[in-house]
PDB file of all heavy atoms in Angstrom:
ATOM      1  N   ILE A   1      83.183 100.227 105.845  1.00  0.00           N
ATOM      2  CA  ILE A   1      83.770 100.793 104.625  1.00  0.00           C
ATOM      3  C   ILE A   1      85.081 100.102 104.284  1.00  0.00           C
ATOM      4  O   ILE A   1      85.328  99.745 103.134  1.00  0.00           O
ATOM      5  CB  ILE A   1      83.998 102.317 104.796  1.00  0.00           C
ATOM      6  CG1 ILE A   1      82.642 103.033 104.869  1.00  0.00           C
ATOM      7  CG2 ILE A   1      84.827 102.873 103.646  1.00  0.00           C
ATOM      8  CD1 ILE A   1      82.745 104.484 105.285  1.00  0.00           C
ATOM      9  N   LEU A   2      85.928  99.894 105.306  1.00  0.00           N
ATOM     10  CA  LEU A   2      87.222  99.253 105.081  1.00  0.00           C
ATOM     11  C   LEU A   2      87.037  97.810 104.604  1.00  0.00           C
ATOM     12  O   LEU A   2      87.740  97.353 103.706  1.00  0.00           O
ATOM     13  CB  LEU A   2      88.057  99.271 106.364  1.00  0.00           C
ATOM     14  CG  LEU A   2      88.599 100.643 106.787  1.00  0.00           C
ATOM     15  CD1 LEU A   2      89.302 100.532 108.130  1.00  0.00           C
ATOM     16  CD2 LEU A   2      89.549 101.202 105.728  1.00  0.00           C
ATOM     17  N   THR A   3      86.085  97.100 105.224  1.00  0.00           N
ATOM     18  CA  THR A   3      85.815  95.723 104.819  1.00  0.00           C
ATOM     19  C   THR A   3      85.315  95.668 103.388  1.00  0.00           C
ATOM     20  O   THR A   3      85.752  94.844 102.589  1.00  0.00           O
ATOM     21  CB  THR A   3      84.756  95.079 105.742  1.00  0.00           C
ATOM     22  OG1 THR A   3      85.238  95.123 107.086  1.00  0.00           O
ATOM     23  CG2 THR A   3      84.483  93.640 105.344  1.00  0.00           C
ATOM     24  N   ALA A   4      84.400  96.580 103.071  1.00  0.00           N
ATOM     25  CA  ALA A   4      83.846  96.623 101.711  1.00  0.00           C
ATOM     26  C   ALA A   4      84.948  96.918 100.700  1.00  0.00           C
ATOM     27  O   ALA A   4      85.014  96.315  99.633  1.00  0.00           O
ATOM     28  CB  ALA A   4      82.758  97.689 101.629  1.00  0.00           C
ATOM     29  N   PHE A   5      85.833  97.857 101.045  1.00  0.00           N
ATOM     30  CA  PHE A   5      86.928  98.203 100.146  1.00  0.00           C
ATOM     31  C   PHE A   5      87.870  97.024  99.951  1.00  0.00           C
ATOM     32  O   PHE A   5      88.318  96.744  98.839  1.00  0.00           O
ATOM     33  CB  PHE A   5      87.720  99.394 100.708  1.00  0.00           C
ATOM     34  CG  PHE A   5      88.910  99.757  99.852  1.00  0.00           C
ATOM     35  CD1 PHE A   5      88.729 100.416  98.640  1.00  0.00           C
ATOM     36  CD2 PHE A   5      90.198  99.421 100.238  1.00  0.00           C
ATOM     37  CE1 PHE A   5      89.816 100.735  97.845  1.00  0.00           C
ATOM     38  CE2 PHE A   5      91.285  99.731  99.448  1.00  0.00           C
ATOM     39  CZ  PHE A   5      91.093 100.399  98.253  1.00  0.00           C
ATOM     40  N   TYR A   6      88.142  96.312 101.056  1.00  0.00           N
ATOM     41  CA  TYR A   6      89.039  95.155 100.983  1.00  0.00           C
ATOM     42  C   TYR A   6      88.460  94.091 100.044  1.00  0.00           C
ATOM     43  O   TYR A   6      89.146  93.562  99.174  1.00  0.00           O
ATOM     44  CB  TYR A   6      89.246  94.561 102.374  1.00  0.00           C
ATOM     45  CG  TYR A   6      90.107  93.317 102.379  1.00  0.00           C
ATOM     46  CD1 TYR A   6      91.499  93.418 102.331  1.00  0.00           C
ATOM     47  CD2 TYR A   6      89.525  92.049 102.415  1.00  0.00           C
ATOM     48  CE1 TYR A   6      92.292  92.277 102.321  1.00  0.00           C
ATOM     49  CE2 TYR A   6      90.317  90.911 102.400  1.00  0.00           C
ATOM     50  CZ  TYR A   6      91.697  91.033 102.363  1.00  0.00           C
ATOM     51  OH  TYR A   6      92.477  89.897 102.341  1.00  0.00           O
ATOM     52  N   VAL A   7      87.161  93.802 100.229  1.00  0.00           N
ATOM     53  CA  VAL A   7      86.499  92.799  99.387  1.00  0.00           C
ATOM     54  C   VAL A   7      86.486  93.262  97.935  1.00  0.00           C
ATOM     55  O   VAL A   7      86.783  92.500  97.024  1.00  0.00           O
ATOM     56  CB  VAL A   7      85.049  92.551  99.874  1.00  0.00           C
ATOM     57  CG1 VAL A   7      84.286  91.676  98.885  1.00  0.00           C
ATOM     58  CG2 VAL A   7      85.071  91.899 101.241  1.00  0.00           C
ATOM     59  N   PHE A   8      86.157  94.547  97.743  1.00  0.00           N
ATOM     60  CA  PHE A   8      86.099  95.082  96.379  1.00  0.00           C
ATOM     61  C   PHE A   8      87.474  95.029  95.721  1.00  0.00           C
ATOM     62  O   PHE A   8      87.614  94.591  94.584  1.00  0.00           O
ATOM     63  CB  PHE A   8      85.609  96.534  96.438  1.00  0.00           C
ATOM     64  CG  PHE A   8      85.438  97.147  95.080  1.00  0.00           C
ATOM     65  CD1 PHE A   8      84.315  96.851  94.313  1.00  0.00           C
ATOM     66  CD2 PHE A   8      86.379  98.014  94.565  1.00  0.00           C
ATOM     67  CE1 PHE A   8      84.143  97.406  93.056  1.00  0.00           C
ATOM     68  CE2 PHE A   8      86.217  98.571  93.311  1.00  0.00           C
ATOM     69  CZ  PHE A   8      85.095  98.277  92.559  1.00  0.00           C
ATOM     70  N   LYS A   9      88.485  95.421  96.474  1.00  0.00           N
ATOM     71  CA  LYS A   9      89.849  95.429  95.945  1.00  0.00           C
ATOM     72  C   LYS A   9      90.298  94.025  95.558  1.00  0.00           C
ATOM     73  O   LYS A   9      90.838  93.814  94.477  1.00  0.00           O
ATOM     74  CB  LYS A   9      90.805  95.999  96.994  1.00  0.00           C
ATOM     75  CG  LYS A   9      92.277  95.928  96.573  1.00  0.00           C
ATOM     76  CD  LYS A   9      93.175  96.390  97.700  1.00  0.00           C
ATOM     77  CE  LYS A   9      94.636  96.160  97.350  1.00  0.00           C
ATOM     78  NZ  LYS A   9      95.525  96.496  98.454  1.00  0.00           N
ATOM     79  N   ASN A  10      90.066  93.066  96.439  1.00  0.00           N
ATOM     80  CA  ASN A  10      90.585  91.725  96.216  1.00  0.00           C
ATOM     81  C   ASN A  10      89.762  90.905  95.221  1.00  0.00           C
ATOM     82  O   ASN A  10      90.290  90.015  94.574  1.00  0.00           O
ATOM     83  CB  ASN A  10      90.691  90.970  97.548  1.00  0.00           C
ATOM     84  CG  ASN A  10      91.883  91.448  98.354  1.00  0.00           C
ATOM     85  OD1 ASN A  10      92.995  90.999  98.142  1.00  0.00           O
ATOM     86  ND2 ASN A  10      91.652  92.399  99.249  1.00  0.00           N
ATOM     87  N   ASN A  11      88.476  91.198  95.109  1.00  0.00           N
ATOM     88  CA  ASN A  11      87.632  90.396  94.229  1.00  0.00           C
ATOM     89  C   ASN A  11      87.302  91.070  92.909  1.00  0.00           C
ATOM     90  O   ASN A  11      86.944  90.410  91.951  1.00  0.00           O
ATOM     91  CB  ASN A  11      86.334  90.019  94.936  1.00  0.00           C
ATOM     92  CG  ASN A  11      86.585  89.039  96.067  1.00  0.00           C
ATOM     93  OD1 ASN A  11      87.538  88.281  96.014  1.00  0.00           O
ATOM     94  ND2 ASN A  11      85.743  89.070  97.072  1.00  0.00           N
ATOM     95  N   PHE A  12      87.384  92.385  92.851  1.00  0.00           N
ATOM     96  CA  PHE A  12      86.906  93.075  91.664  1.00  0.00           C
ATOM     97  C   PHE A  12      87.961  93.935  90.967  1.00  0.00           C
ATOM     98  O   PHE A  12      87.865  94.180  89.777  1.00  0.00           O
ATOM     99  CB  PHE A  12      85.702  93.961  92.021  1.00  0.00           C
ATOM    100  CG  PHE A  12      84.516  93.173  92.470  1.00  0.00           C
ATOM    101  CD1 PHE A  12      84.256  93.003  93.816  1.00  0.00           C
ATOM    102  CD2 PHE A  12      83.670  92.577  91.558  1.00  0.00           C
ATOM    103  CE1 PHE A  12      83.162  92.255  94.235  1.00  0.00           C
ATOM    104  CE2 PHE A  12      82.576  91.824  91.967  1.00  0.00           C
ATOM    105  CZ  PHE A  12      82.326  91.665  93.309  1.00  0.00           C
ATOM    106  N   ILE A  13      88.945  94.392  91.676  1.00  0.00           N
ATOM    107  CA  ILE A  13      89.928  95.287  91.070  1.00  0.00           C
ATOM    108  C   ILE A  13      91.208  94.557  90.697  1.00  0.00           C
ATOM    109  O   ILE A  13      91.682  94.660  89.570  1.00  0.00           O
ATOM    110  CB  ILE A  13      90.259  96.463  92.026  1.00  0.00           C
ATOM    111  CG1 ILE A  13      89.002  97.305  92.247  1.00  0.00           C
ATOM    112  CG2 ILE A  13      91.368  97.316  91.445  1.00  0.00           C
ATOM    113  CD1 ILE A  13      89.199  98.455  93.197  1.00  0.00           C
ATOM    114  N   VAL A  14      91.765  93.807  91.636  1.00  0.00           N
ATOM    115  CA  VAL A  14      93.065  93.175  91.420  1.00  0.00           C
ATOM    116  C   VAL A  14      92.911  91.724  90.969  1.00  0.00           C
ATOM    117  O   VAL A  14      92.292  90.918  91.660  1.00  0.00           O
ATOM    118  CB  VAL A  14      93.916  93.233  92.708  1.00  0.00           C
ATOM    119  CG1 VAL A  14      95.271  92.567  92.466  1.00  0.00           C
ATOM    120  CG2 VAL A  14      94.099  94.673  93.161  1.00  0.00           C
ATOM    121  N   ALA A  15      93.488  91.406  89.805  1.00  0.00           N
ATOM    122  CA  ALA A  15      93.472  90.027  89.313  1.00  0.00           C
ATOM    123  C   ALA A  15      94.697  89.283  89.812  1.00  0.00           C
ATOM    124  O   ALA A  15      94.637  88.109  90.157  1.00  0.00           O
ATOM    125  CB  ALA A  15      93.429  90.003  87.782  1.00  0.00           C
ATOM    126  N   ALA A  16      95.851  90.000  89.860  1.00  0.00           N
ATOM    127  CA  ALA A  16      97.102  89.406  90.340  1.00  0.00           C
ATOM    128  C   ALA A  16      98.112  90.520  90.583  1.00  0.00           C
ATOM    129  O   ALA A  16      97.909  91.666  90.168  1.00  0.00           O
ATOM    130  CB  ALA A  16      97.647  88.411  89.311  1.00  0.00           C
ATOM    131  N   THR A  17      99.179  90.168  91.280  1.00  0.00           N
ATOM    132  CA  THR A  17     100.293  91.109  91.444  1.00  0.00           C
ATOM    133  C   THR A  17     101.584  90.380  91.094  1.00  0.00           C
ATOM    134  O   THR A  17     101.726  89.193  91.379  1.00  0.00           O
ATOM    135  CB  THR A  17     100.381  91.644  92.892  1.00  0.00           C
ATOM    136  OG1 THR A  17     100.543  90.550  93.802  1.00  0.00           O
ATOM    137  CG2 THR A  17      99.140  92.437  93.260  1.00  0.00           C
ATOM    138  N   VAL A  18     102.508  91.101  90.481  1.00  0.00           N
ATOM    139  CA  VAL A  18     103.817  90.549  90.129  1.00  0.00           C
ATOM    140  C   VAL A  18     104.875  91.465  90.727  1.00  0.00           C
ATOM    141  O   VAL A  18     105.045  92.608  90.284  1.00  0.00           O
ATOM    142  CB  VAL A  18     104.002  90.468  88.596  1.00  0.00           C
ATOM    143  CG1 VAL A  18     105.371  89.876  88.261  1.00  0.00           C
ATOM    144  CG2 VAL A  18     102.901  89.645  87.957  1.00  0.00           C
ATOM    145  N   ASP A  19     105.560  90.961  91.762  1.00  0.00           N
ATOM    146  CA  ASP A  19     106.544  91.777  92.492  1.00  0.00           C
ATOM    147  C   ASP A  19     105.933  93.108  92.932  1.00  0.00           C
ATOM    148  O   ASP A  19     106.559  94.166  92.835  1.00  0.00           O
ATOM    149  CB  ASP A  19     107.778  92.036  91.611  1.00  0.00           C
ATOM    150  CG  ASP A  19     108.547  90.764  91.308  1.00  0.00           C
ATOM    151  OD1 ASP A  19     108.499  89.839  92.140  1.00  0.00           O
ATOM    152  OD2 ASP A  19     109.165  90.674  90.230  1.00  0.00           O
ATOM    153  N   GLY A  20     104.701  93.030  93.384  1.00  0.00           N
ATOM    154  CA  GLY A  20     104.043  94.231  93.881  1.00  0.00           C
ATOM    155  C   GLY A  20     103.320  95.029  92.814  1.00  0.00           C
ATOM    156  O   GLY A  20     102.556  95.943  93.126  1.00  0.00           O
ATOM    157  N   ARG A  21     103.580  94.708  91.559  1.00  0.00           N
ATOM    158  CA  ARG A  21     102.931  95.425  90.461  1.00  0.00           C
ATOM    159  C   ARG A  21     101.570  94.786  90.173  1.00  0.00           C
ATOM    160  O   ARG A  21     101.477  93.576  89.989  1.00  0.00           O
ATOM    161  CB  ARG A  21     103.817  95.372  89.226  1.00  0.00           C
ATOM    162  CG  ARG A  21     103.273  96.211  88.081  1.00  0.00           C
ATOM    163  CD  ARG A  21     104.316  96.355  86.989  1.00  0.00           C
ATOM    164  NE  ARG A  21     103.860  97.235  85.950  1.00  0.00           N
ATOM    165  CZ  ARG A  21     104.654  98.027  85.235  1.00  0.00           C
ATOM    166  NH1 ARG A  21     105.949  98.034  85.483  1.00  0.00           N
ATOM    167  NH2 ARG A  21     104.168  98.791  84.288  1.00  0.00           N
ATOM    168  N   VAL A  22     100.535  95.608  90.121  1.00  0.00           N
ATOM    169  CA  VAL A  22      99.165  95.116  90.007  1.00  0.00           C
ATOM    170  C   VAL A  22      98.768  94.840  88.557  1.00  0.00           C
ATOM    171  O   VAL A  22      99.054  95.625  87.658  1.00  0.00           O
ATOM    172  CB  VAL A  22      98.174  96.142  90.608  1.00  0.00           C
ATOM    173  CG1 VAL A  22      96.726  95.748  90.300  1.00  0.00           C
ATOM    174  CG2 VAL A  22      98.382  96.262  92.112  1.00  0.00           C
ATOM    175  N   ILE A  23      98.129  93.675  88.367  1.00  0.00           N
ATOM    176  CA  ILE A  23      97.452  93.389  87.102  1.00  0.00           C
ATOM    177  C   ILE A  23      95.969  93.499  87.420  1.00  0.00           C
ATOM    178  O   ILE A  23      95.427  92.686  88.172  1.00  0.00           O
ATOM    179  CB  ILE A  23      97.774  91.969  86.580  1.00  0.00           C
ATOM    180  CG1 ILE A  23      99.265  91.844  86.276  1.00  0.00           C
ATOM    181  CG2 ILE A  23      96.944  91.653  85.334  1.00  0.00           C
ATOM    182  CD1 ILE A  23      99.692  90.433  85.882  1.00  0.00           C
ATOM    183  N   SER A  24      95.338  94.523  86.883  1.00  0.00           N
ATOM    184  CA  SER A  24      93.944  94.779  87.229  1.00  0.00           C
ATOM    185  C   SER A  24      93.007  93.785  86.566  1.00  0.00           C
ATOM    186  O   SER A  24      93.315  93.222  85.507  1.00  0.00           O
ATOM    187  CB  SER A  24      93.542  96.203  86.814  1.00  0.00           C
ATOM    188  OG  SER A  24      93.464  96.294  85.403  1.00  0.00           O
ATOM    189  N   ARG A  25      91.878  93.588  87.208  1.00  0.00           N
ATOM    190  CA  ARG A  25      90.881  92.679  86.642  1.00  0.00           C
ATOM    191  C   ARG A  25      90.333  93.261  85.340  1.00  0.00           C
ATOM    192  O   ARG A  25      89.987  92.536  84.417  1.00  0.00           O
ATOM    193  CB  ARG A  25      89.760  92.457  87.650  1.00  0.00           C
ATOM    194  CG  ARG A  25      88.819  91.344  87.242  1.00  0.00           C
ATOM    195  CD  ARG A  25      87.956  90.881  88.372  1.00  0.00           C
ATOM    196  NE  ARG A  25      87.139  89.753  87.960  1.00  0.00           N
ATOM    197  CZ  ARG A  25      86.258  89.167  88.741  1.00  0.00           C
ATOM    198  NH1 ARG A  25      86.111  89.580  89.973  1.00  0.00           N
ATOM    199  NH2 ARG A  25      85.533  88.157  88.304  1.00  0.00           N
ATOM    200  N   TYR A  26      90.258  94.582  85.284  1.00  0.00           N
ATOM    201  CA  TYR A  26      89.771  95.244  84.066  1.00  0.00           C
ATOM    202  C   TYR A  26      90.669  94.931  82.879  1.00  0.00           C
ATOM    203  O   TYR A  26      90.189  94.609  81.791  1.00  0.00           O
ATOM    204  CB  TYR A  26      89.702  96.760  84.286  1.00  0.00           C
ATOM    205  CG  TYR A  26      89.399  97.520  83.019  1.00  0.00           C
ATOM    206  CD1 TYR A  26      88.102  97.540  82.488  1.00  0.00           C
ATOM    207  CD2 TYR A  26      90.405  98.206  82.338  1.00  0.00           C
ATOM    208  CE1 TYR A  26      87.821  98.223  81.320  1.00  0.00           C
ATOM    209  CE2 TYR A  26      90.130  98.880  81.166  1.00  0.00           C
ATOM    210  CZ  TYR A  26      88.839  98.896  80.659  1.00  0.00           C
ATOM    211  OH  TYR A  26      88.563  99.569  79.492  1.00  0.00           O
ATOM    212  N   SER A  27      91.985  94.992  83.085  1.00  0.00           N
ATOM    213  CA  SER A  27      92.915  94.702  81.991  1.00  0.00           C
ATOM    214  C   SER A  27      92.827  93.244  81.567  1.00  0.00           C
ATOM    215  O   SER A  27      92.969  92.910  80.387  1.00  0.00           O
ATOM    216  CB  SER A  27      94.351  95.058  82.397  1.00  0.00           C
ATOM    217  OG  SER A  27      94.799  94.244  83.462  1.00  0.00           O
ATOM    218  N   LEU A  28      92.585  92.365  82.539  1.00  0.00           N
ATOM    219  CA  LEU A  28      92.420  90.942  82.234  1.00  0.00           C
ATOM    220  C   LEU A  28      91.181  90.726  81.366  1.00  0.00           C
ATOM    221  O   LEU A  28      91.230  90.039  80.337  1.00  0.00           O
ATOM    222  CB  LEU A  28      92.291  90.148  83.535  1.00  0.00           C
ATOM    223  CG  LEU A  28      91.883  88.670  83.404  1.00  0.00           C
ATOM    224  CD1 LEU A  28      92.929  87.884  82.623  1.00  0.00           C
ATOM    225  CD2 LEU A  28      91.662  88.048  84.777  1.00  0.00           C
ATOM    226  N   ILE A  29      90.064  91.323  81.795  1.00  0.00           N
ATOM    227  CA  ILE A  29      88.812  91.178  81.044  1.00  0.00           C
ATOM    228  C   ILE A  29      88.955  91.768  79.642  1.00  0.00           C
ATOM    229  O   ILE A  29      88.486  91.192  78.660  1.00  0.00           O
ATOM    230  CB  ILE A  29      87.652  91.867  81.806  1.00  0.00           C
ATOM    231  CG1 ILE A  29      87.361  91.111  83.110  1.00  0.00           C
ATOM    232  CG2 ILE A  29      86.393  91.944  80.941  1.00  0.00           C
ATOM    233  CD1 ILE A  29      86.410  91.811  84.037  1.00  0.00           C
ATOM    234  N   LYS A  30      89.633  92.898  79.555  1.00  0.00           N
ATOM    235  CA  LYS A  30      89.848  93.554  78.264  1.00  0.00           C
ATOM    236  C   LYS A  30      90.631  92.644  77.316  1.00  0.00           C
ATOM    237  O   LYS A  30      90.308  92.520  76.127  1.00  0.00           O
ATOM    238  CB  LYS A  30      90.600  94.873  78.479  1.00  0.00           C
ATOM    239  CG  LYS A  30      90.642  95.764  77.252  1.00  0.00           C
ATOM    240  CD  LYS A  30      91.288  97.093  77.599  1.00  0.00           C
ATOM    241  CE  LYS A  30      91.357  97.990  76.365  1.00  0.00           C
ATOM    242  NZ  LYS A  30      92.020  99.277  76.675  1.00  0.00           N
ATOM    243  N   GLU A  31      91.656  91.979  77.843  1.00  0.00           N
ATOM    244  CA  GLU A  31      92.474  91.074  77.033  1.00  0.00           C
ATOM    245  C   GLU A  31      91.670  89.839  76.609  1.00  0.00           C
ATOM    246  O   GLU A  31      91.768  89.382  75.464  1.00  0.00           O
ATOM    247  CB  GLU A  31      93.712  90.651  77.832  1.00  0.00           C
ATOM    248  CG  GLU A  31      94.738  89.869  77.031  1.00  0.00           C
ATOM    249  CD  GLU A  31      95.328  90.643  75.864  1.00  0.00           C
ATOM    250  OE1 GLU A  31      95.437  91.889  75.962  1.00  0.00           O
ATOM    251  OE2 GLU A  31      95.646  90.025  74.826  1.00  0.00           O
ATOM    252  N   LEU A  32      90.885  89.320  77.540  1.00  0.00           N
ATOM    253  CA  LEU A  32      90.042  88.164  77.226  1.00  0.00           C
ATOM    254  C   LEU A  32      89.016  88.515  76.153  1.00  0.00           C
ATOM    255  O   LEU A  32      88.729  87.706  75.264  1.00  0.00           O
ATOM    256  CB  LEU A  32      89.323  87.675  78.487  1.00  0.00           C
ATOM    257  CG  LEU A  32      90.193  86.956  79.526  1.00  0.00           C
ATOM    258  CD1 LEU A  32      89.402  86.717  80.801  1.00  0.00           C
ATOM    259  CD2 LEU A  32      90.707  85.628  78.980  1.00  0.00           C
ATOM    260  N   GLU A  33      88.484  89.730  76.235  1.00  0.00           N
ATOM    261  CA  GLU A  33      87.507  90.166  75.235  1.00  0.00           C
ATOM    262  C   GLU A  33      88.158  90.286  73.857  1.00  0.00           C
ATOM    263  O   GLU A  33      87.543  89.963  72.850  1.00  0.00           O
ATOM    264  CB  GLU A  33      86.895  91.505  75.638  1.00  0.00           C
ATOM    265  CG  GLU A  33      85.843  91.376  76.723  1.00  0.00           C
ATOM    266  CD  GLU A  33      85.005  92.637  76.854  1.00  0.00           C
ATOM    267  OE1 GLU A  33      85.521  93.739  76.561  1.00  0.00           O
ATOM    268  OE2 GLU A  33      83.839  92.527  77.254  1.00  0.00           O
ATOM    269  N   LYS A  34      89.393  90.732  73.829  1.00  0.00           N
ATOM    270  CA  LYS A  34      90.123  90.839  72.553  1.00  0.00           C
ATOM    271  C   LYS A  34      90.251  89.470  71.902  1.00  0.00           C
ATOM    272  O   LYS A  34      90.101  89.315  70.691  1.00  0.00           O
ATOM    273  CB  LYS A  34      91.535  91.400  72.789  1.00  0.00           C
ATOM    274  CG  LYS A  34      91.612  92.904  72.910  1.00  0.00           C
ATOM    275  CD  LYS A  34      93.073  93.290  73.032  1.00  0.00           C
ATOM    276  CE  LYS A  34      93.236  94.771  73.352  1.00  0.00           C
ATOM    277  NZ  LYS A  34      94.665  95.116  73.536  1.00  0.00           N
ATOM    278  N   GLN A  35      90.542  88.463  72.730  1.00  0.00           N
ATOM    279  CA  GLN A  35      90.801  87.123  72.214  1.00  0.00           C
ATOM    280  C   GLN A  35      89.522  86.358  71.863  1.00  0.00           C
ATOM    281  O   GLN A  35      89.447  85.705  70.825  1.00  0.00           O
ATOM    282  CB  GLN A  35      91.609  86.316  73.245  1.00  0.00           C
ATOM    283  CG  GLN A  35      93.001  86.882  73.515  1.00  0.00           C
ATOM    284  CD  GLN A  35      93.721  86.127  74.616  1.00  0.00           C
ATOM    285  OE1 GLN A  35      93.405  84.977  74.911  1.00  0.00           O
ATOM    286  NE2 GLN A  35      94.677  86.763  75.262  1.00  0.00           N
ATOM    287  N   ASN A  36      88.534  86.447  72.748  1.00  0.00           N
ATOM    288  CA  ASN A  36      87.345  85.614  72.557  1.00  0.00           C
ATOM    289  C   ASN A  36      86.021  86.358  72.666  1.00  0.00           C
ATOM    290  O   ASN A  36      84.967  85.725  72.679  1.00  0.00           O
ATOM    291  CB  ASN A  36      87.335  84.478  73.604  1.00  0.00           C
ATOM    292  CG  ASN A  36      88.569  83.603  73.503  1.00  0.00           C
ATOM    293  OD1 ASN A  36      88.828  83.002  72.479  1.00  0.00           O
ATOM    294  ND2 ASN A  36      89.336  83.545  74.573  1.00  0.00           N
ATOM    295  N   GLY A  37      86.075  87.662  72.764  1.00  0.00           N
ATOM    296  CA  GLY A  37      84.862  88.448  72.985  1.00  0.00           C
ATOM    297  C   GLY A  37      83.759  88.193  71.977  1.00  0.00           C
ATOM    298  O   GLY A  37      82.614  87.938  72.346  1.00  0.00           O
ATOM    299  N   LYS A  38      84.101  88.241  70.703  1.00  0.00           N
ATOM    300  CA  LYS A  38      83.100  88.066  69.645  1.00  0.00           C
ATOM    301  C   LYS A  38      82.466  86.680  69.702  1.00  0.00           C
ATOM    302  O   LYS A  38      81.245  86.541  69.609  1.00  0.00           O
ATOM    303  CB  LYS A  38      83.728  88.296  68.273  1.00  0.00           C
ATOM    304  CG  LYS A  38      82.712  88.319  67.140  1.00  0.00           C
ATOM    305  CD  LYS A  38      83.377  88.589  65.809  1.00  0.00           C
ATOM    306  CE  LYS A  38      82.339  88.749  64.702  1.00  0.00           C
ATOM    307  NZ  LYS A  38      81.405  87.632  64.600  1.00  0.00           N
ATOM    308  N   THR A  39      83.317  85.663  69.862  1.00  0.00           N
ATOM    309  CA  THR A  39      82.823  84.284  69.908  1.00  0.00           C
ATOM    310  C   THR A  39      81.888  84.069  71.093  1.00  0.00           C
ATOM    311  O   THR A  39      80.806  83.491  70.945  1.00  0.00           O
ATOM    312  CB  THR A  39      83.994  83.292  70.006  1.00  0.00           C
ATOM    313  OG1 THR A  39      84.845  83.465  68.872  1.00  0.00           O
ATOM    314  CG2 THR A  39      83.504  81.856  70.041  1.00  0.00           C
ATOM    315  N   VAL A  40      82.313  84.541  72.273  1.00  0.00           N
ATOM    316  CA  VAL A  40      81.511  84.361  73.485  1.00  0.00           C
ATOM    317  C   VAL A  40      80.197  85.126  73.382  1.00  0.00           C
ATOM    318  O   VAL A  40      79.126  84.605  73.734  1.00  0.00           O
ATOM    319  CB  VAL A  40      82.294  84.817  74.734  1.00  0.00           C
ATOM    320  CG1 VAL A  40      81.402  84.781  75.972  1.00  0.00           C
ATOM    321  CG2 VAL A  40      83.513  83.933  74.948  1.00  0.00           C
ATOM    322  N   LEU A  41      80.255  86.362  72.873  1.00  0.00           N
ATOM    323  CA  LEU A  41      79.044  87.170  72.734  1.00  0.00           C
ATOM    324  C   LEU A  41      78.067  86.521  71.759  1.00  0.00           C
ATOM    325  O   LEU A  41      76.862  86.439  72.027  1.00  0.00           O
ATOM    326  CB  LEU A  41      79.386  88.579  72.259  1.00  0.00           C
ATOM    327  CG  LEU A  41      78.208  89.544  72.093  1.00  0.00           C
ATOM    328  CD1 LEU A  41      77.439  89.692  73.404  1.00  0.00           C
ATOM    329  CD2 LEU A  41      78.694  90.905  71.595  1.00  0.00           C
TER     330      LEU A  41
END
């Protein structure tokens, strides 16, 4: 469970951290979709 959580956290939840503050992968994808979502789709 701990290994799975670690992998999930590092590969799927967290995109980056800035001074300990998390930038989530979801927020990154959301921003990318705003910029290029229609074109890519």
